Amino acid sequence: MLTRIVAAAAGAVAIGVVGAPAAVAAPEPAPPAIPDVFTYLPLNPADYTVNGGKWFAFAGPAGVVCILDSLKGTYGCAGPLPGAPQGVNLVSAGPVGLPAFSTTDTPAYADAGPVRPLPPNTRLTFRQVACGADETGVIACFNSRDQVGFVVGPTTTYIGDNKPPPPPPPPVDPAAPPA
């Protein structure tokens, strides 16, 4: 009798252990949406032309220089990026695709020389990319074709997208045979 009780208890423990759900780490929260800089007042890019007419450049948070490259269609901000991953001093992107963080040995946009900030709630635009400043000094650059961009603020720098989430997968019919 004692053997049966021990065997039943061991079976119940085994079922409980096997049937217990595995601990799953919570997904990392998505970064906030990139502000819609296309709603900001457009500025004349000629007023921000530097580097022999190749770039439209402006100042971001302290020590940060941002550019729109009128030859290559690239855009980015370089300098001490607040809240960026350790050692990163550049966030940039090409004319297509998601921006990326990187580290450069020399200041990436030093050729811009002295640059001035954008007035609050204004933007510079080149093709499908716009970079703008809000009333708090936050810089956002956004590629409207790919719905991606980045934000450089006084305390944080992040890359994100404004793409709608994918639709949920269709419900699984438990009676259907496996595929």
C-alpha atoms as a PDB file:
ATOM      1  CA  MET A   1       0.000   0.000   0.000  1.00  0.00           C
ATOM      2  CA  LEU A   2       2.805   2.383   0.900  1.00  0.00           C
ATOM      3  CA  THR A   3       4.431   1.620  -2.449  1.00  0.00           C
ATOM      4  CA  ARG A   4       1.250   2.632  -4.283  1.00  0.00           C
ATOM      5  CA  ILE A   5       1.026   5.926  -2.374  1.00  0.00           C
ATOM      6  CA  VAL A   6       4.674   6.738  -3.062  1.00  0.00           C
ATOM      7  CA  ALA A   7       4.274   5.806  -6.738  1.00  0.00           C
ATOM      8  CA  ALA A   8       1.102   7.919  -7.053  1.00  0.00           C
ATOM      9  CA  ALA A   9       2.784  10.887  -5.355  1.00  0.00           C
ATOM     10  CA  ALA A  10       5.849  10.567  -7.582  1.00  0.00           C
ATOM     11  CA  GLY A  11       3.590  10.401 -10.651  1.00  0.00           C
ATOM     12  CA  ALA A  12       1.710  13.521  -9.556  1.00  0.00           C
ATOM     13  CA  VAL A  13       4.977  15.383  -8.990  1.00  0.00           C
ATOM     14  CA  ALA A  14       6.275  14.288 -12.404  1.00  0.00           C
ATOM     15  CA  ILE A  15       3.085  15.424 -14.108  1.00  0.00           C
ATOM     16  CA  GLY A  16       3.245  18.735 -12.237  1.00  0.00           C
ATOM     17  CA  VAL A  17       6.848  19.329 -13.256  1.00  0.00           C
ATOM     18  CA  VAL A  18       6.373  18.297 -16.879  1.00  0.00           C
ATOM     19  CA  GLY A  19       3.071  20.139 -17.200  1.00  0.00           C
ATOM     20  CA  ALA A  20       4.328  23.357 -15.583  1.00  0.00           C
ATOM     21  CA  PRO A  21       4.778  26.215 -18.042  1.00  0.00           C
ATOM     22  CA  ALA A  22       8.347  27.354 -18.592  1.00  0.00           C
ATOM     23  CA  ALA A  23       9.235  30.814 -17.360  1.00  0.00           C
ATOM     24  CA  VAL A  24       9.312  33.224 -20.276  1.00  0.00           C
ATOM     25  CA  ALA A  25      11.104  36.555 -20.143  1.00  0.00           C
ATOM     26  CA  ALA A  26       8.882  39.529 -20.826  1.00  0.00           C
ATOM     27  CA  PRO A  27       9.577  41.032 -24.262  1.00  0.00           C
ATOM     28  CA  GLU A  28      11.561  44.252 -24.274  1.00  0.00           C
ATOM     29  CA  PRO A  29       9.205  47.190 -24.794  1.00  0.00           C
ATOM     30  CA  ALA A  30       9.305  48.820 -28.211  1.00  0.00           C
ATOM     31  CA  PRO A  31      10.758  52.329 -28.343  1.00  0.00           C
ATOM     32  CA  PRO A  32       8.249  55.172 -28.600  1.00  0.00           C
ATOM     33  CA  ALA A  33       7.084  56.215 -32.047  1.00  0.00           C
ATOM     34  CA  ILE A  34       9.205  58.722 -33.939  1.00  0.00           C
ATOM     35  CA  PRO A  35       7.524  62.156 -33.793  1.00  0.00           C
ATOM     36  CA  ASP A  36       5.834  63.262 -37.006  1.00  0.00           C
ATOM     37  CA  VAL A  37       8.367  65.899 -37.999  1.00  0.00           C
ATOM     38  CA  PHE A  38       6.552  66.415 -41.302  1.00  0.00           C
ATOM     39  CA  THR A  39       3.984  68.441 -39.328  1.00  0.00           C
ATOM     40  CA  TYR A  40       6.692  70.962 -38.321  1.00  0.00           C
ATOM     41  CA  LEU A  41       7.202  74.170 -40.268  1.00  0.00           C
ATOM     42  CA  PRO A  42       9.622  73.580 -43.189  1.00  0.00           C
ATOM     43  CA  LEU A  43      12.758  75.693 -43.374  1.00  0.00           C
ATOM     44  CA  ASN A  44      14.782  76.673 -46.425  1.00  0.00           C
ATOM     45  CA  PRO A  45      17.616  74.091 -46.567  1.00  0.00           C
ATOM     46  CA  ALA A  46      19.856  76.653 -48.307  1.00  0.00           C
ATOM     47  CA  ASP A  47      20.051  78.485 -44.967  1.00  0.00           C
ATOM     48  CA  TYR A  48      21.698  75.377 -43.433  1.00  0.00           C
ATOM     49  CA  THR A  49      24.019  74.398 -46.298  1.00  0.00           C
ATOM     50  CA  VAL A  50      27.600  73.449 -45.324  1.00  0.00           C
ATOM     51  CA  ASN A  51      30.502  71.360 -46.607  1.00  0.00           C
ATOM     52  CA  GLY A  52      30.573  72.984 -50.018  1.00  0.00           C
ATOM     53  CA  GLY A  53      26.830  72.549 -50.508  1.00  0.00           C
ATOM     54  CA  LYS A  54      26.878  68.776 -49.866  1.00  0.00           C
ATOM     55  CA  TRP A  55      25.099  68.808 -46.506  1.00  0.00           C
ATOM     56  CA  PHE A  56      22.288  70.536 -44.688  1.00  0.00           C
ATOM     57  CA  ALA A  57      23.540  70.657 -41.085  1.00  0.00           C
ATOM     58  CA  PHE A  58      22.215  71.807 -37.731  1.00  0.00           C
ATOM     59  CA  ALA A  59      22.960  71.484 -34.019  1.00  0.00           C
ATOM     60  CA  GLY A  60      21.264  68.949 -31.794  1.00  0.00           C
ATOM     61  CA  PRO A  61      21.680  68.608 -28.023  1.00  0.00           C
ATOM     62  CA  ALA A  62      25.006  69.910 -26.623  1.00  0.00           C
ATOM     63  CA  GLY A  63      27.879  68.803 -28.852  1.00  0.00           C
ATOM     64  CA  VAL A  64      25.712  66.927 -31.370  1.00  0.00           C
ATOM     65  CA  VAL A  65      25.797  67.813 -35.080  1.00  0.00           C
ATOM     66  CA  CYS A  66      23.124  66.463 -37.441  1.00  0.00           C
ATOM     67  CA  ILE A  67      23.197  66.374 -41.238  1.00  0.00           C
ATOM     68  CA  LEU A  68      21.151  65.523 -44.299  1.00  0.00           C
ATOM     69  CA  ASP A  69      23.556  64.604 -47.129  1.00  0.00           C
ATOM     70  CA  SER A  70      22.194  66.037 -50.377  1.00  0.00           C
ATOM     71  CA  LEU A  71      24.528  63.906 -52.522  1.00  0.00           C
ATOM     72  CA  LYS A  72      24.110  60.464 -50.960  1.00  0.00           C
ATOM     73  CA  GLY A  73      20.694  60.825 -49.344  1.00  0.00           C
ATOM     74  CA  THR A  74      22.086  59.740 -45.969  1.00  0.00           C
ATOM     75  CA  TYR A  75      21.256  61.388 -42.666  1.00  0.00           C
ATOM     76  CA  GLY A  76      22.516  61.224 -39.103  1.00  0.00           C
ATOM     77  CA  CYS A  77      23.595  62.836 -35.864  1.00  0.00           C
ATOM     78  CA  ALA A  78      27.067  62.566 -34.323  1.00  0.00           C
ATOM     79  CA  GLY A  79      28.568  63.544 -31.000  1.00  0.00           C
ATOM     80  CA  PRO A  80      27.855  62.678 -27.373  1.00  0.00           C
ATOM     81  CA  LEU A  81      24.455  61.030 -27.912  1.00  0.00           C
ATOM     82  CA  PRO A  82      22.514  61.116 -24.611  1.00  0.00           C
ATOM     83  CA  GLY A  83      21.421  57.677 -23.418  1.00  0.00           C
ATOM     84  CA  ALA A  84      22.906  55.844 -26.426  1.00  0.00           C
ATOM     85  CA  PRO A  85      24.611  52.472 -25.932  1.00  0.00           C
ATOM     86  CA  GLN A  86      28.074  52.730 -24.343  1.00  0.00           C
ATOM     87  CA  GLY A  87      30.696  54.244 -26.647  1.00  0.00           C
ATOM     88  CA  VAL A  88      28.293  55.037 -29.496  1.00  0.00           C
ATOM     89  CA  ASN A  89      28.776  58.486 -31.017  1.00  0.00           C
ATOM     90  CA  LEU A  90      26.860  58.222 -34.310  1.00  0.00           C
ATOM     91  CA  VAL A  91      23.318  57.330 -35.314  1.00  0.00           C
ATOM     92  CA  SER A  92      22.751  57.349 -39.074  1.00  0.00           C
ATOM     93  CA  ALA A  93      20.977  55.795 -42.028  1.00  0.00           C
ATOM     94  CA  GLY A  94      21.114  55.589 -45.779  1.00  0.00           C
ATOM     95  CA  PRO A  95      18.296  56.635 -48.075  1.00  0.00           C
ATOM     96  CA  VAL A  96      16.576  53.309 -47.306  1.00  0.00           C
ATOM     97  CA  GLY A  97      16.533  51.064 -44.276  1.00  0.00           C
ATOM     98  CA  LEU A  98      16.599  51.310 -40.523  1.00  0.00           C
ATOM     99  CA  PRO A  99      19.127  53.669 -38.906  1.00  0.00           C
ATOM    100  CA  ALA A 100      21.964  52.154 -36.889  1.00  0.00           C
ATOM    101  CA  PHE A 101      24.261  53.101 -34.045  1.00  0.00           C
ATOM    102  CA  SER A 102      28.018  53.085 -34.588  1.00  0.00           C
ATOM    103  CA  THR A 103      31.261  54.398 -33.164  1.00  0.00           C
ATOM    104  CA  THR A 104      33.737  56.550 -35.047  1.00  0.00           C
ATOM    105  CA  ASP A 105      37.318  57.428 -34.110  1.00  0.00           C
ATOM    106  CA  THR A 106      37.017  60.950 -35.502  1.00  0.00           C
ATOM    107  CA  PRO A 107      33.976  63.226 -35.266  1.00  0.00           C
ATOM    108  CA  ALA A 108      31.708  62.062 -38.080  1.00  0.00           C
ATOM    109  CA  TYR A 109      30.420  65.468 -39.158  1.00  0.00           C
ATOM    110  CA  ALA A 110      33.374  67.688 -38.224  1.00  0.00           C
ATOM    111  CA  ASP A 111      33.432  69.023 -41.810  1.00  0.00           C
ATOM    112  CA  ALA A 112      30.157  70.802 -41.070  1.00  0.00           C
ATOM    113  CA  GLY A 113      31.998  73.408 -39.006  1.00  0.00           C
ATOM    114  CA  PRO A 114      29.954  75.593 -36.676  1.00  0.00           C
ATOM    115  CA  VAL A 115      26.230  74.925 -37.093  1.00  0.00           C
ATOM    116  CA  ARG A 116      23.153  76.524 -35.602  1.00  0.00           C
ATOM    117  CA  PRO A 117      20.124  74.822 -34.043  1.00  0.00           C
ATOM    118  CA  LEU A 118      16.749  74.541 -35.701  1.00  0.00           C
ATOM    119  CA  PRO A 119      14.080  76.794 -34.230  1.00  0.00           C
ATOM    120  CA  PRO A 120      11.401  74.928 -32.235  1.00  0.00           C
ATOM    121  CA  ASN A 121       8.840  72.990 -34.278  1.00  0.00           C
ATOM    122  CA  THR A 122      10.707  73.365 -37.569  1.00  0.00           C
ATOM    123  CA  ARG A 123      12.256  70.870 -39.956  1.00  0.00           C
ATOM    124  CA  LEU A 124      14.691  70.409 -42.813  1.00  0.00           C
ATOM    125  CA  THR A 125      13.668  68.006 -45.555  1.00  0.00           C
ATOM    126  CA  PHE A 126      15.598  66.278 -48.303  1.00  0.00           C
ATOM    127  CA  ARG A 127      13.683  63.839 -50.495  1.00  0.00           C
ATOM    128  CA  GLN A 128      11.785  61.460 -48.175  1.00  0.00           C
ATOM    129  CA  VAL A 129      13.772  62.303 -45.010  1.00  0.00           C
ATOM    130  CA  ALA A 130      12.931  65.102 -42.601  1.00  0.00           C
ATOM    131  CA  CYS A 131      14.746  66.118 -39.425  1.00  0.00           C
ATOM    132  CA  GLY A 132      13.124  68.485 -36.995  1.00  0.00           C
ATOM    133  CA  ALA A 133      13.309  69.955 -33.522  1.00  0.00           C
ATOM    134  CA  ASP A 134      10.451  70.221 -31.072  1.00  0.00           C
ATOM    135  CA  GLU A 135       9.971  72.895 -28.417  1.00  0.00           C
ATOM    136  CA  THR A 136      12.117  70.965 -25.894  1.00  0.00           C
ATOM    137  CA  GLY A 137      15.130  70.560 -28.187  1.00  0.00           C
ATOM    138  CA  VAL A 138      14.459  66.937 -29.082  1.00  0.00           C
ATOM    139  CA  ILE A 139      15.717  66.141 -32.587  1.00  0.00           C
ATOM    140  CA  ALA A 140      13.860  63.552 -34.640  1.00  0.00           C
ATOM    141  CA  CYS A 141      14.763  62.334 -38.130  1.00  0.00           C
ATOM    142  CA  PHE A 142      12.261  60.283 -40.078  1.00  0.00           C
ATOM    143  CA  ASN A 143      12.319  58.472 -43.420  1.00  0.00           C
ATOM    144  CA  SER A 144       8.722  58.554 -44.681  1.00  0.00           C
ATOM    145  CA  ARG A 145       9.326  55.872 -47.325  1.00  0.00           C
ATOM    146  CA  ASP A 146      10.451  53.214 -44.843  1.00  0.00           C
ATOM    147  CA  GLN A 147       8.622  54.646 -41.796  1.00  0.00           C
ATOM    148  CA  VAL A 148      11.833  54.523 -39.723  1.00  0.00           C
ATOM    149  CA  GLY A 149      14.022  57.029 -37.955  1.00  0.00           C
ATOM    150  CA  PHE A 150      15.693  58.067 -34.749  1.00  0.00           C
ATOM    151  CA  VAL A 151      15.377  60.519 -31.884  1.00  0.00           C
ATOM    152  CA  VAL A 152      18.181  62.382 -30.088  1.00  0.00           C
ATOM    153  CA  GLY A 153      16.957  64.137 -26.980  1.00  0.00           C
ATOM    154  CA  PRO A 154      18.474  65.733 -23.911  1.00  0.00           C
ATOM    155  CA  THR A 155      18.410  62.397 -22.014  1.00  0.00           C
ATOM    156  CA  THR A 156      17.787  59.633 -24.554  1.00  0.00           C
ATOM    157  CA  THR A 157      18.672  58.506 -28.064  1.00  0.00           C
ATOM    158  CA  TYR A 158      16.783  55.705 -29.780  1.00  0.00           C
ATOM    159  CA  ILE A 159      16.030  54.142 -33.154  1.00  0.00           C
ATOM    160  CA  GLY A 160      12.495  53.188 -34.047  1.00  0.00           C
ATOM    161  CA  ASP A 161       9.837  52.753 -36.646  1.00  0.00           C
ATOM    162  CA  ASN A 162       6.270  53.849 -37.073  1.00  0.00           C
ATOM    163  CA  LYS A 163       5.183  50.791 -39.003  1.00  0.00           C
ATOM    164  CA  PRO A 164       1.886  49.308 -37.894  1.00  0.00           C
ATOM    165  CA  PRO A 165       2.288  45.999 -36.077  1.00  0.00           C
ATOM    166  CA  PRO A 166       1.829  42.895 -38.227  1.00  0.00           C
ATOM    167  CA  PRO A 167      -1.600  41.294 -38.112  1.00  0.00           C
ATOM    168  CA  PRO A 168      -1.965  38.463 -35.609  1.00  0.00           C
ATOM    169  CA  PRO A 169      -1.602  34.952 -37.000  1.00  0.00           C
ATOM    170  CA  PRO A 170      -4.840  33.196 -37.886  1.00  0.00           C
ATOM    171  CA  PRO A 171      -6.369  31.136 -35.054  1.00  0.00           C
ATOM    172  CA  VAL A 172      -5.249  27.523 -34.894  1.00  0.00           C
ATOM    173  CA  ASP A 173      -7.965  24.929 -35.234  1.00  0.00           C
ATOM    174  CA  PRO A 174      -7.125  22.261 -32.621  1.00  0.00           C
ATOM    175  CA  ALA A 175      -9.030  19.682 -34.684  1.00  0.00           C
ATOM    176  CA  ALA A 176      -6.996  20.355 -37.834  1.00  0.00           C
ATOM    177  CA  PRO A 177      -4.197  17.888 -38.634  1.00  0.00           C
ATOM    178  CA  PRO A 178      -0.665  19.268 -38.184  1.00  0.00           C
ATOM    179  CA  ALA A 179       0.879  20.805 -41.268  1.00  0.00           C
END
